[in-house]
Amino acid sequence: MKLSLSAGLVGAASFSVFKYAHHEVVFTADNLRAREALITALAERIIPKTDTPGASEAAVSGYIINVLLNCTDQKQQVRFLTGLEDVDVYSRDKFGATFVDCSNDNQDLIITYFEKKTGYTYAILNKIYNKLFGKEFYTKLRELTIEGYCLSQVGATRSLVYDPVPGSYQACIPMKEHQKSWATK
C-alpha cells in the first residue's frame, strides 16, 4: 500500500516537473511583440466593443506589452508568453485555427476554458502558487487588460465618467440609476 502510494506521488511530482519544464520558453521583447495581434484579440474578448469602446480601441495591447517588458519579473514574463502559446495550441487543437482566426463564439469558448482552469478554490493556495510560480496567465491578462483600459484616455473619458477638475470633495455622492462609474476617486 505504502509503495503504491509513494509511486503515485513520485509519478505525479515528476509529471508536474515535466509539464513545467516542457513549457519553458525563452522570453524576448521580439517574441512578445510578435504576439501583439493575439494579445489584442484576447483583450478585445475580455472588454468587447459595445456602446462603449473595446480594449482594442483603447490600445490595451500596447499597455500590456509595455508593462510586461518594463515592470514585470522574468518569471512572470515567461509565464505570460507560455500562456499565449498555450492559447494558440489549444485553439488549433480544438478548432483548427489560431485564436485570432477563430470566430467570436469560439474565442469566447477558449477564454472560458482558460478562465475555468485558473486558480484554486482556496485563496491561500492561490497565494502560495502565485508566490512560487507567478500569477496564472489568464489572471495576469485580465488584470492588465482592465488596468490598461481604465488608464487609457478612451476608457477614462468614454467608458467611465471623467471630471478633470472635480471641484470640492464630497465623501458620499448618491449615484443615479444607470450612471457610469467615476474615473477619478
N, C-alpha and C. Protein backbone atom coordinates (compact mmCIF):
# COMPACT_ATOMS: atom_id res chain seq x y z
N MET A 1 0.83 -1.19 0.00
CA MET A 1 0.00 0.00 0.00
C MET A 1 0.87 1.26 0.00
N LYS A 2 1.87 1.29 0.93
CA LYS A 2 2.74 2.45 1.01
C LYS A 2 3.56 2.61 -0.27
N LEU A 3 3.99 1.47 -0.83
CA LEU A 3 4.79 1.52 -2.04
C LEU A 3 4.00 2.08 -3.21
N SER A 4 2.76 1.66 -3.36
CA SER A 4 1.94 2.17 -4.47
C SER A 4 1.60 3.65 -4.27
N LEU A 5 1.37 4.05 -3.02
CA LEU A 5 1.11 5.46 -2.74
C LEU A 5 2.35 6.31 -3.04
N SER A 6 3.52 5.82 -2.63
CA SER A 6 4.77 6.53 -2.91
C SER A 6 5.02 6.63 -4.40
N ALA A 7 4.80 5.55 -5.10
CA ALA A 7 4.99 5.56 -6.55
C ALA A 7 4.03 6.54 -7.22
N GLY A 8 2.82 6.61 -6.72
CA GLY A 8 1.85 7.56 -7.27
C GLY A 8 2.27 9.00 -7.04
N LEU A 9 2.76 9.30 -5.83
CA LEU A 9 3.21 10.65 -5.53
C LEU A 9 4.43 11.03 -6.35
N VAL A 10 5.38 10.12 -6.48
CA VAL A 10 6.57 10.39 -7.30
C VAL A 10 6.17 10.60 -8.75
N GLY A 11 5.25 9.77 -9.23
CA GLY A 11 4.78 9.92 -10.61
C GLY A 11 4.10 11.25 -10.84
N ALA A 12 3.25 11.67 -9.90
CA ALA A 12 2.56 12.96 -10.04
C ALA A 12 3.55 14.11 -9.97
N ALA A 13 4.53 14.00 -9.06
CA ALA A 13 5.52 15.07 -8.94
C ALA A 13 6.38 15.16 -10.20
N SER A 14 6.80 14.01 -10.72
CA SER A 14 7.64 14.06 -11.92
C SER A 14 6.84 14.56 -13.11
N PHE A 15 5.54 14.24 -13.19
CA PHE A 15 4.71 14.76 -14.27
C PHE A 15 4.61 16.28 -14.17
N SER A 16 4.43 16.79 -12.95
CA SER A 16 4.33 18.24 -12.77
C SER A 16 5.63 18.93 -13.15
N VAL A 17 6.77 18.35 -12.76
CA VAL A 17 8.06 18.93 -13.13
C VAL A 17 8.23 18.87 -14.64
N PHE A 18 7.87 17.73 -15.25
CA PHE A 18 7.99 17.61 -16.70
C PHE A 18 7.11 18.63 -17.40
N LYS A 19 5.89 18.77 -16.91
CA LYS A 19 4.97 19.72 -17.53
C LYS A 19 5.51 21.14 -17.42
N TYR A 20 6.07 21.50 -16.26
CA TYR A 20 6.60 22.85 -16.08
C TYR A 20 7.83 23.05 -16.96
N ALA A 21 8.74 22.07 -16.99
CA ALA A 21 9.97 22.20 -17.79
C ALA A 21 9.66 22.16 -19.28
N HIS A 22 8.66 21.39 -19.67
CA HIS A 22 8.31 21.26 -21.08
C HIS A 22 7.78 22.56 -21.65
N HIS A 23 7.11 23.34 -20.84
CA HIS A 23 6.51 24.58 -21.32
C HIS A 23 7.44 25.79 -21.21
N GLU A 24 8.66 25.57 -20.74
CA GLU A 24 9.59 26.68 -20.57
C GLU A 24 9.91 27.30 -21.93
N VAL A 25 9.73 28.60 -22.06
CA VAL A 25 10.03 29.31 -23.31
C VAL A 25 11.03 30.42 -23.00
N VAL A 26 11.66 30.89 -24.02
CA VAL A 26 12.60 32.00 -23.87
C VAL A 26 11.84 33.29 -24.11
N PHE A 27 11.90 34.19 -23.14
CA PHE A 27 11.20 35.45 -23.26
C PHE A 27 12.13 36.49 -23.86
N THR A 28 11.69 37.09 -24.95
CA THR A 28 12.38 38.25 -25.51
C THR A 28 11.32 39.27 -25.89
N ALA A 29 11.73 40.49 -26.02
CA ALA A 29 10.79 41.55 -26.42
C ALA A 29 10.22 41.26 -27.80
N ASP A 30 11.05 40.72 -28.70
CA ASP A 30 10.57 40.40 -30.05
C ASP A 30 9.53 39.29 -30.02
N ASN A 31 9.73 38.27 -29.15
CA ASN A 31 8.74 37.19 -29.02
C ASN A 31 7.39 37.75 -28.57
N LEU A 32 7.44 38.67 -27.63
CA LEU A 32 6.19 39.26 -27.12
C LEU A 32 5.54 40.16 -28.17
N ARG A 33 6.32 41.01 -28.80
CA ARG A 33 5.76 41.92 -29.82
C ARG A 33 5.20 41.15 -31.01
N ALA A 34 5.77 40.00 -31.31
CA ALA A 34 5.27 39.18 -32.42
C ALA A 34 3.87 38.63 -32.13
N ARG A 35 3.50 38.62 -30.87
CA ARG A 35 2.18 38.11 -30.48
C ARG A 35 1.19 39.23 -30.13
N GLU A 36 1.48 40.44 -30.60
CA GLU A 36 0.61 41.57 -30.29
C GLU A 36 -0.81 41.38 -30.83
N ALA A 37 -0.95 40.79 -32.01
CA ALA A 37 -2.29 40.54 -32.56
C ALA A 37 -3.08 39.60 -31.66
N LEU A 38 -2.41 38.59 -31.10
CA LEU A 38 -3.07 37.66 -30.19
C LEU A 38 -3.47 38.38 -28.90
N ILE A 39 -2.59 39.19 -28.36
CA ILE A 39 -2.90 39.96 -27.14
C ILE A 39 -4.08 40.89 -27.40
N THR A 40 -4.09 41.54 -28.56
CA THR A 40 -5.20 42.44 -28.91
C THR A 40 -6.52 41.67 -28.97
N ALA A 41 -6.51 40.52 -29.62
CA ALA A 41 -7.73 39.71 -29.75
C ALA A 41 -8.22 39.21 -28.40
N LEU A 42 -7.31 38.77 -27.54
CA LEU A 42 -7.69 38.31 -26.21
C LEU A 42 -8.28 39.46 -25.38
N ALA A 43 -7.62 40.61 -25.41
CA ALA A 43 -8.10 41.76 -24.64
C ALA A 43 -9.47 42.21 -25.15
N GLU A 44 -9.69 42.14 -26.45
CA GLU A 44 -10.97 42.56 -27.03
C GLU A 44 -12.10 41.62 -26.61
N ARG A 45 -11.79 40.35 -26.38
CA ARG A 45 -12.81 39.41 -25.89
C ARG A 45 -13.11 39.66 -24.42
N ILE A 46 -12.13 40.16 -23.67
CA ILE A 46 -12.35 40.46 -22.25
C ILE A 46 -13.15 41.75 -22.10
N ILE A 47 -12.80 42.78 -22.87
CA ILE A 47 -13.57 44.04 -22.88
C ILE A 47 -13.96 44.31 -24.34
N PRO A 48 -15.09 43.73 -24.77
CA PRO A 48 -15.50 43.91 -26.17
C PRO A 48 -16.14 45.28 -26.40
N LYS A 49 -16.17 45.66 -27.66
CA LYS A 49 -16.82 46.91 -28.03
C LYS A 49 -18.33 46.70 -27.95
N THR A 50 -18.98 47.58 -27.24
CA THR A 50 -20.45 47.58 -27.15
C THR A 50 -20.88 49.00 -27.47
N ASP A 51 -21.68 49.61 -26.60
CA ASP A 51 -21.99 51.02 -26.77
C ASP A 51 -20.82 51.88 -26.28
N THR A 52 -19.83 51.23 -25.66
CA THR A 52 -18.58 51.88 -25.27
C THR A 52 -17.44 51.23 -26.06
N PRO A 53 -16.32 51.90 -26.19
CA PRO A 53 -15.19 51.34 -26.95
C PRO A 53 -14.65 50.07 -26.30
N GLY A 54 -14.08 49.20 -27.13
CA GLY A 54 -13.48 47.98 -26.63
C GLY A 54 -12.01 48.17 -26.31
N ALA A 55 -11.39 47.09 -25.87
CA ALA A 55 -9.98 47.13 -25.47
C ALA A 55 -9.06 47.45 -26.64
N SER A 56 -9.40 47.01 -27.83
CA SER A 56 -8.52 47.29 -28.97
C SER A 56 -8.52 48.77 -29.32
N GLU A 57 -9.67 49.42 -29.20
CA GLU A 57 -9.75 50.86 -29.48
C GLU A 57 -8.98 51.67 -28.43
N ALA A 58 -8.86 51.11 -27.23
CA ALA A 58 -8.12 51.78 -26.16
C ALA A 58 -6.63 51.44 -26.20
N ALA A 59 -6.21 50.67 -27.19
CA ALA A 59 -4.79 50.28 -27.36
C ALA A 59 -4.24 49.58 -26.13
N VAL A 60 -5.03 48.67 -25.58
CA VAL A 60 -4.65 47.96 -24.37
C VAL A 60 -3.45 47.04 -24.62
N SER A 61 -3.32 46.49 -25.82
CA SER A 61 -2.20 45.58 -26.08
C SER A 61 -0.86 46.28 -25.92
N GLY A 62 -0.77 47.52 -26.33
CA GLY A 62 0.46 48.28 -26.13
C GLY A 62 0.79 48.46 -24.65
N TYR A 63 -0.23 48.72 -23.86
CA TYR A 63 -0.06 48.86 -22.41
C TYR A 63 0.43 47.54 -21.81
N ILE A 64 -0.20 46.43 -22.21
CA ILE A 64 0.17 45.11 -21.68
C ILE A 64 1.62 44.81 -22.02
N ILE A 65 2.02 45.03 -23.25
CA ILE A 65 3.40 44.76 -23.67
C ILE A 65 4.37 45.65 -22.91
N ASN A 66 4.04 46.92 -22.75
CA ASN A 66 4.90 47.85 -22.01
C ASN A 66 5.08 47.41 -20.56
N VAL A 67 4.00 47.03 -19.91
CA VAL A 67 4.10 46.59 -18.51
C VAL A 67 4.91 45.30 -18.40
N LEU A 68 4.67 44.36 -19.32
CA LEU A 68 5.41 43.10 -19.26
C LEU A 68 6.90 43.32 -19.50
N LEU A 69 7.24 44.21 -20.41
CA LEU A 69 8.66 44.45 -20.71
C LEU A 69 9.37 45.24 -19.62
N ASN A 70 8.69 46.19 -19.01
CA ASN A 70 9.37 47.13 -18.11
C ASN A 70 9.05 46.98 -16.63
N CYS A 71 7.97 46.31 -16.30
CA CYS A 71 7.55 46.30 -14.90
C CYS A 71 7.26 44.90 -14.35
N THR A 72 7.67 43.87 -15.06
CA THR A 72 7.33 42.51 -14.66
C THR A 72 8.60 41.68 -14.56
N ASP A 73 8.67 40.84 -13.53
CA ASP A 73 9.86 40.00 -13.38
C ASP A 73 9.90 38.90 -14.44
N GLN A 74 11.07 38.31 -14.61
CA GLN A 74 11.27 37.36 -15.70
C GLN A 74 10.38 36.13 -15.55
N LYS A 75 10.17 35.68 -14.33
CA LYS A 75 9.31 34.52 -14.10
C LYS A 75 7.91 34.77 -14.65
N GLN A 76 7.36 35.95 -14.37
CA GLN A 76 6.01 36.28 -14.85
C GLN A 76 6.01 36.50 -16.36
N GLN A 77 7.08 37.06 -16.92
CA GLN A 77 7.18 37.25 -18.36
C GLN A 77 7.12 35.91 -19.10
N VAL A 78 7.91 34.96 -18.61
CA VAL A 78 7.93 33.63 -19.23
C VAL A 78 6.56 32.97 -19.09
N ARG A 79 5.96 33.11 -17.93
CA ARG A 79 4.64 32.51 -17.70
C ARG A 79 3.60 33.10 -18.65
N PHE A 80 3.65 34.40 -18.88
CA PHE A 80 2.70 35.05 -19.77
C PHE A 80 2.91 34.59 -21.21
N LEU A 81 4.15 34.54 -21.65
CA LEU A 81 4.45 34.11 -23.01
C LEU A 81 4.05 32.65 -23.22
N THR A 82 4.28 31.82 -22.21
CA THR A 82 3.86 30.43 -22.27
C THR A 82 2.34 30.34 -22.38
N GLY A 83 1.64 31.20 -21.63
CA GLY A 83 0.18 31.23 -21.69
C GLY A 83 -0.32 31.60 -23.07
N LEU A 84 0.34 32.57 -23.71
CA LEU A 84 -0.05 32.94 -25.08
C LEU A 84 0.12 31.76 -26.03
N GLU A 85 1.23 31.03 -25.89
CA GLU A 85 1.45 29.85 -26.73
C GLU A 85 0.39 28.79 -26.45
N ASP A 86 0.04 28.61 -25.16
CA ASP A 86 -0.98 27.63 -24.80
C ASP A 86 -2.33 27.97 -25.43
N VAL A 87 -2.66 29.25 -25.49
CA VAL A 87 -3.92 29.67 -26.11
C VAL A 87 -3.95 29.26 -27.58
N ASP A 88 -2.88 29.53 -28.29
CA ASP A 88 -2.85 29.17 -29.72
C ASP A 88 -2.83 27.66 -29.92
N VAL A 89 -2.10 26.93 -29.08
CA VAL A 89 -2.07 25.47 -29.20
C VAL A 89 -3.46 24.90 -28.94
N TYR A 90 -4.12 25.38 -27.88
CA TYR A 90 -5.47 24.90 -27.56
C TYR A 90 -6.46 25.24 -28.69
N SER A 91 -6.39 26.44 -29.21
CA SER A 91 -7.33 26.83 -30.26
C SER A 91 -7.08 26.03 -31.54
N ARG A 92 -5.82 25.74 -31.86
CA ARG A 92 -5.53 24.91 -33.04
C ARG A 92 -6.02 23.49 -32.84
N ASP A 93 -5.81 22.95 -31.64
CA ASP A 93 -6.25 21.58 -31.35
C ASP A 93 -7.77 21.47 -31.35
N LYS A 94 -8.42 22.45 -30.78
CA LYS A 94 -9.88 22.39 -30.60
C LYS A 94 -10.65 22.85 -31.85
N PHE A 95 -10.15 23.90 -32.53
CA PHE A 95 -10.91 24.49 -33.63
C PHE A 95 -10.16 24.53 -34.96
N GLY A 96 -8.91 24.08 -34.99
CA GLY A 96 -8.16 24.02 -36.24
C GLY A 96 -7.68 25.36 -36.75
N ALA A 97 -7.64 26.37 -35.89
CA ALA A 97 -7.19 27.70 -36.30
C ALA A 97 -6.58 28.40 -35.10
N THR A 98 -5.75 29.41 -35.36
CA THR A 98 -5.21 30.19 -34.26
C THR A 98 -6.34 30.97 -33.60
N PHE A 99 -6.09 31.48 -32.41
CA PHE A 99 -7.12 32.22 -31.69
C PHE A 99 -7.61 33.41 -32.50
N VAL A 100 -6.69 34.12 -33.12
CA VAL A 100 -7.04 35.32 -33.90
C VAL A 100 -7.97 34.97 -35.05
N ASP A 101 -7.79 33.78 -35.65
CA ASP A 101 -8.59 33.37 -36.81
C ASP A 101 -9.90 32.68 -36.44
N CYS A 102 -10.13 32.40 -35.16
CA CYS A 102 -11.37 31.76 -34.72
C CYS A 102 -12.52 32.76 -34.72
N SER A 103 -13.74 32.23 -34.78
CA SER A 103 -14.93 33.09 -34.69
C SER A 103 -15.05 33.63 -33.26
N ASN A 104 -15.88 34.65 -33.09
CA ASN A 104 -16.08 35.23 -31.75
C ASN A 104 -16.61 34.20 -30.76
N ASP A 105 -17.53 33.35 -31.21
CA ASP A 105 -18.07 32.32 -30.32
C ASP A 105 -16.99 31.34 -29.88
N ASN A 106 -16.14 30.92 -30.81
CA ASN A 106 -15.04 30.01 -30.46
C ASN A 106 -14.02 30.70 -29.58
N GLN A 107 -13.76 31.98 -29.83
CA GLN A 107 -12.85 32.73 -28.96
C GLN A 107 -13.40 32.80 -27.54
N ASP A 108 -14.70 33.00 -27.42
CA ASP A 108 -15.30 33.03 -26.09
C ASP A 108 -15.18 31.68 -25.38
N LEU A 109 -15.33 30.58 -26.14
CA LEU A 109 -15.16 29.25 -25.56
C LEU A 109 -13.72 29.03 -25.09
N ILE A 110 -12.77 29.51 -25.85
CA ILE A 110 -11.36 29.37 -25.48
C ILE A 110 -11.07 30.18 -24.22
N ILE A 111 -11.56 31.42 -24.19
CA ILE A 111 -11.37 32.28 -23.00
C ILE A 111 -12.00 31.61 -21.78
N THR A 112 -13.19 31.06 -21.93
CA THR A 112 -13.87 30.39 -20.83
C THR A 112 -13.06 29.20 -20.33
N TYR A 113 -12.49 28.44 -21.25
CA TYR A 113 -11.65 27.30 -20.87
C TYR A 113 -10.48 27.75 -20.00
N PHE A 114 -9.76 28.79 -20.42
CA PHE A 114 -8.61 29.26 -19.65
C PHE A 114 -9.04 29.92 -18.34
N GLU A 115 -10.18 30.55 -18.33
CA GLU A 115 -10.68 31.16 -17.10
C GLU A 115 -11.03 30.09 -16.07
N LYS A 116 -11.64 28.99 -16.53
CA LYS A 116 -12.04 27.93 -15.60
C LYS A 116 -10.85 27.17 -15.03
N LYS A 117 -9.78 27.05 -15.79
CA LYS A 117 -8.64 26.29 -15.28
C LYS A 117 -7.68 27.16 -14.46
N THR A 118 -8.05 28.41 -14.22
CA THR A 118 -7.21 29.33 -13.47
C THR A 118 -7.51 29.23 -11.99
N GLY A 119 -6.47 29.05 -11.20
CA GLY A 119 -6.59 29.16 -9.75
C GLY A 119 -7.15 27.95 -9.04
N TYR A 120 -7.11 28.06 -7.72
CA TYR A 120 -7.60 27.03 -6.82
C TYR A 120 -8.82 27.55 -6.08
N THR A 121 -9.52 26.65 -5.44
CA THR A 121 -10.71 27.01 -4.68
C THR A 121 -10.33 27.83 -3.44
N TYR A 122 -9.22 27.47 -2.81
CA TYR A 122 -8.81 28.13 -1.58
C TYR A 122 -7.83 29.27 -1.88
N ALA A 123 -8.10 30.43 -1.33
CA ALA A 123 -7.29 31.61 -1.59
C ALA A 123 -5.84 31.43 -1.15
N ILE A 124 -5.62 30.71 -0.06
CA ILE A 124 -4.25 30.53 0.43
C ILE A 124 -3.41 29.74 -0.58
N LEU A 125 -4.02 28.77 -1.24
CA LEU A 125 -3.29 28.00 -2.27
C LEU A 125 -2.93 28.90 -3.45
N ASN A 126 -3.82 29.80 -3.81
CA ASN A 126 -3.53 30.75 -4.89
C ASN A 126 -2.36 31.65 -4.51
N LYS A 127 -2.33 32.11 -3.26
CA LYS A 127 -1.24 32.98 -2.82
C LYS A 127 0.10 32.24 -2.87
N ILE A 128 0.11 31.00 -2.40
CA ILE A 128 1.34 30.21 -2.43
C ILE A 128 1.78 29.97 -3.86
N TYR A 129 0.84 29.58 -4.70
CA TYR A 129 1.15 29.29 -6.11
C TYR A 129 1.68 30.55 -6.81
N ASN A 130 1.02 31.68 -6.59
CA ASN A 130 1.46 32.95 -7.21
C ASN A 130 2.85 33.34 -6.74
N LYS A 131 3.15 33.10 -5.47
CA LYS A 131 4.47 33.44 -4.93
C LYS A 131 5.56 32.56 -5.55
N LEU A 132 5.26 31.28 -5.73
CA LEU A 132 6.26 30.35 -6.26
C LEU A 132 6.42 30.46 -7.78
N PHE A 133 5.31 30.54 -8.50
CA PHE A 133 5.35 30.44 -9.96
C PHE A 133 4.92 31.71 -10.69
N GLY A 134 4.42 32.70 -9.99
CA GLY A 134 3.87 33.89 -10.65
C GLY A 134 2.38 33.68 -10.88
N LYS A 135 1.70 34.76 -11.21
CA LYS A 135 0.26 34.68 -11.44
C LYS A 135 -0.04 33.84 -12.66
N GLU A 136 -1.19 33.20 -12.63
CA GLU A 136 -1.65 32.43 -13.78
C GLU A 136 -1.77 33.37 -14.98
N PHE A 137 -1.61 32.81 -16.15
CA PHE A 137 -1.65 33.60 -17.38
C PHE A 137 -2.95 34.39 -17.50
N TYR A 138 -4.09 33.71 -17.37
CA TYR A 138 -5.36 34.40 -17.58
C TYR A 138 -5.60 35.48 -16.54
N THR A 139 -5.21 35.21 -15.30
CA THR A 139 -5.37 36.21 -14.24
C THR A 139 -4.58 37.47 -14.57
N LYS A 140 -3.33 37.29 -14.98
CA LYS A 140 -2.47 38.43 -15.33
C LYS A 140 -3.02 39.17 -16.55
N LEU A 141 -3.46 38.42 -17.55
CA LEU A 141 -4.04 39.04 -18.75
C LEU A 141 -5.26 39.87 -18.41
N ARG A 142 -6.16 39.32 -17.62
CA ARG A 142 -7.38 40.05 -17.24
C ARG A 142 -7.04 41.30 -16.44
N GLU A 143 -6.13 41.18 -15.47
CA GLU A 143 -5.74 42.34 -14.66
C GLU A 143 -5.15 43.45 -15.54
N LEU A 144 -4.22 43.08 -16.41
CA LEU A 144 -3.58 44.09 -17.26
C LEU A 144 -4.56 44.69 -18.26
N THR A 145 -5.50 43.90 -18.74
CA THR A 145 -6.50 44.41 -19.69
C THR A 145 -7.38 45.45 -19.02
N ILE A 146 -7.89 45.14 -17.86
CA ILE A 146 -8.77 46.07 -17.14
C ILE A 146 -8.01 47.31 -16.72
N GLU A 147 -6.81 47.10 -16.20
CA GLU A 147 -5.97 48.23 -15.78
C GLU A 147 -5.64 49.14 -16.96
N GLY A 148 -5.22 48.55 -18.07
CA GLY A 148 -4.87 49.33 -19.25
C GLY A 148 -6.06 50.06 -19.83
N TYR A 149 -7.21 49.43 -19.80
CA TYR A 149 -8.42 50.05 -20.33
C TYR A 149 -8.84 51.25 -19.48
N CYS A 150 -8.85 51.06 -18.17
CA CYS A 150 -9.29 52.15 -17.29
C CYS A 150 -8.28 53.30 -17.25
N LEU A 151 -7.01 53.03 -17.50
CA LEU A 151 -6.00 54.08 -17.50
C LEU A 151 -5.87 54.78 -18.85
N SER A 152 -6.45 54.21 -19.89
CA SER A 152 -6.36 54.83 -21.22
C SER A 152 -7.30 56.03 -21.30
N GLN A 153 -6.99 56.92 -22.21
CA GLN A 153 -7.85 58.09 -22.39
C GLN A 153 -9.23 57.66 -22.87
N VAL A 154 -9.28 56.70 -23.78
CA VAL A 154 -10.56 56.22 -24.30
C VAL A 154 -11.39 55.62 -23.18
N GLY A 155 -10.79 54.78 -22.36
CA GLY A 155 -11.52 54.14 -21.28
C GLY A 155 -11.98 55.13 -20.22
N ALA A 156 -11.09 56.07 -19.87
CA ALA A 156 -11.41 57.02 -18.81
C ALA A 156 -12.44 58.05 -19.24
N THR A 157 -12.45 58.43 -20.52
CA THR A 157 -13.34 59.51 -20.93
C THR A 157 -14.62 59.01 -21.59
N ARG A 158 -14.58 57.85 -22.23
CA ARG A 158 -15.77 57.39 -22.96
C ARG A 158 -16.50 56.23 -22.30
N SER A 159 -15.84 55.51 -21.39
CA SER A 159 -16.50 54.42 -20.69
C SER A 159 -16.78 54.77 -19.23
N LEU A 160 -15.90 55.53 -18.65
CA LEU A 160 -16.08 55.99 -17.28
C LEU A 160 -16.42 57.47 -17.33
N VAL A 161 -16.88 58.02 -16.24
CA VAL A 161 -17.14 59.45 -16.17
C VAL A 161 -15.86 60.11 -15.72
N TYR A 162 -15.36 61.03 -16.51
CA TYR A 162 -14.11 61.70 -16.18
C TYR A 162 -14.39 63.17 -15.95
N ASP A 163 -13.95 63.66 -14.82
CA ASP A 163 -14.10 65.07 -14.48
C ASP A 163 -12.71 65.60 -14.17
N PRO A 164 -12.05 66.29 -15.13
CA PRO A 164 -10.66 66.70 -14.93
C PRO A 164 -10.47 67.63 -13.74
N VAL A 165 -11.46 68.45 -13.42
CA VAL A 165 -11.39 69.31 -12.24
C VAL A 165 -12.64 68.99 -11.42
N PRO A 166 -12.50 68.06 -10.48
CA PRO A 166 -13.69 67.57 -9.81
C PRO A 166 -14.35 68.56 -8.86
N GLY A 167 -13.69 69.64 -8.51
CA GLY A 167 -14.31 70.61 -7.60
C GLY A 167 -14.11 70.21 -6.16
N SER A 168 -15.06 70.55 -5.31
CA SER A 168 -14.91 70.27 -3.88
C SER A 168 -15.10 68.78 -3.61
N TYR A 169 -14.47 68.34 -2.55
CA TYR A 169 -14.54 66.93 -2.18
C TYR A 169 -15.85 66.64 -1.45
N GLN A 170 -16.55 65.64 -1.91
CA GLN A 170 -17.75 65.15 -1.23
C GLN A 170 -17.56 63.66 -1.05
N ALA A 171 -17.53 63.22 0.20
CA ALA A 171 -17.21 61.83 0.50
C ALA A 171 -18.22 60.84 -0.08
N CYS A 172 -19.48 61.14 0.04
CA CYS A 172 -20.50 60.21 -0.44
C CYS A 172 -21.45 60.97 -1.37
N ILE A 173 -21.54 60.47 -2.58
CA ILE A 173 -22.42 61.08 -3.57
C ILE A 173 -23.38 59.99 -4.05
N PRO A 174 -24.68 60.22 -3.94
CA PRO A 174 -25.60 59.19 -4.44
C PRO A 174 -25.51 59.09 -5.96
N MET A 175 -25.45 57.85 -6.45
CA MET A 175 -25.39 57.64 -7.90
C MET A 175 -26.80 57.53 -8.45
N LYS A 176 -26.97 58.06 -9.63
CA LYS A 176 -28.26 57.95 -10.31
C LYS A 176 -28.36 56.59 -10.97
N GLU A 177 -29.56 56.18 -11.30
CA GLU A 177 -29.76 54.90 -11.97
C GLU A 177 -29.07 54.93 -13.33
N HIS A 178 -28.33 53.86 -13.66
CA HIS A 178 -27.59 53.68 -14.92
C HIS A 178 -26.45 54.69 -15.08
N GLN A 179 -26.00 55.30 -14.00
CA GLN A 179 -24.88 56.24 -14.08
C GLN A 179 -23.58 55.46 -14.21
N LYS A 180 -22.67 55.97 -15.04
CA LYS A 180 -21.36 55.35 -15.19
C LYS A 180 -20.54 55.59 -13.93
N SER A 181 -19.59 54.71 -13.71
CA SER A 181 -18.69 54.84 -12.58
C SER A 181 -17.72 55.98 -12.84
N TRP A 182 -17.23 56.61 -11.77
CA TRP A 182 -16.32 57.73 -11.93
C TRP A 182 -14.91 57.25 -12.24
N ALA A 183 -14.21 57.94 -13.11
CA ALA A 183 -12.83 57.59 -13.46
C ALA A 183 -11.85 58.16 -12.47
N THR A 184 -12.25 59.12 -11.69
CA THR A 184 -11.39 59.71 -10.66
C THR A 184 -11.95 59.36 -9.30
N LYS A 185 -11.08 59.27 -8.33
CA LYS A 185 -11.55 58.93 -6.97
C LYS A 185 -11.33 60.09 -6.04
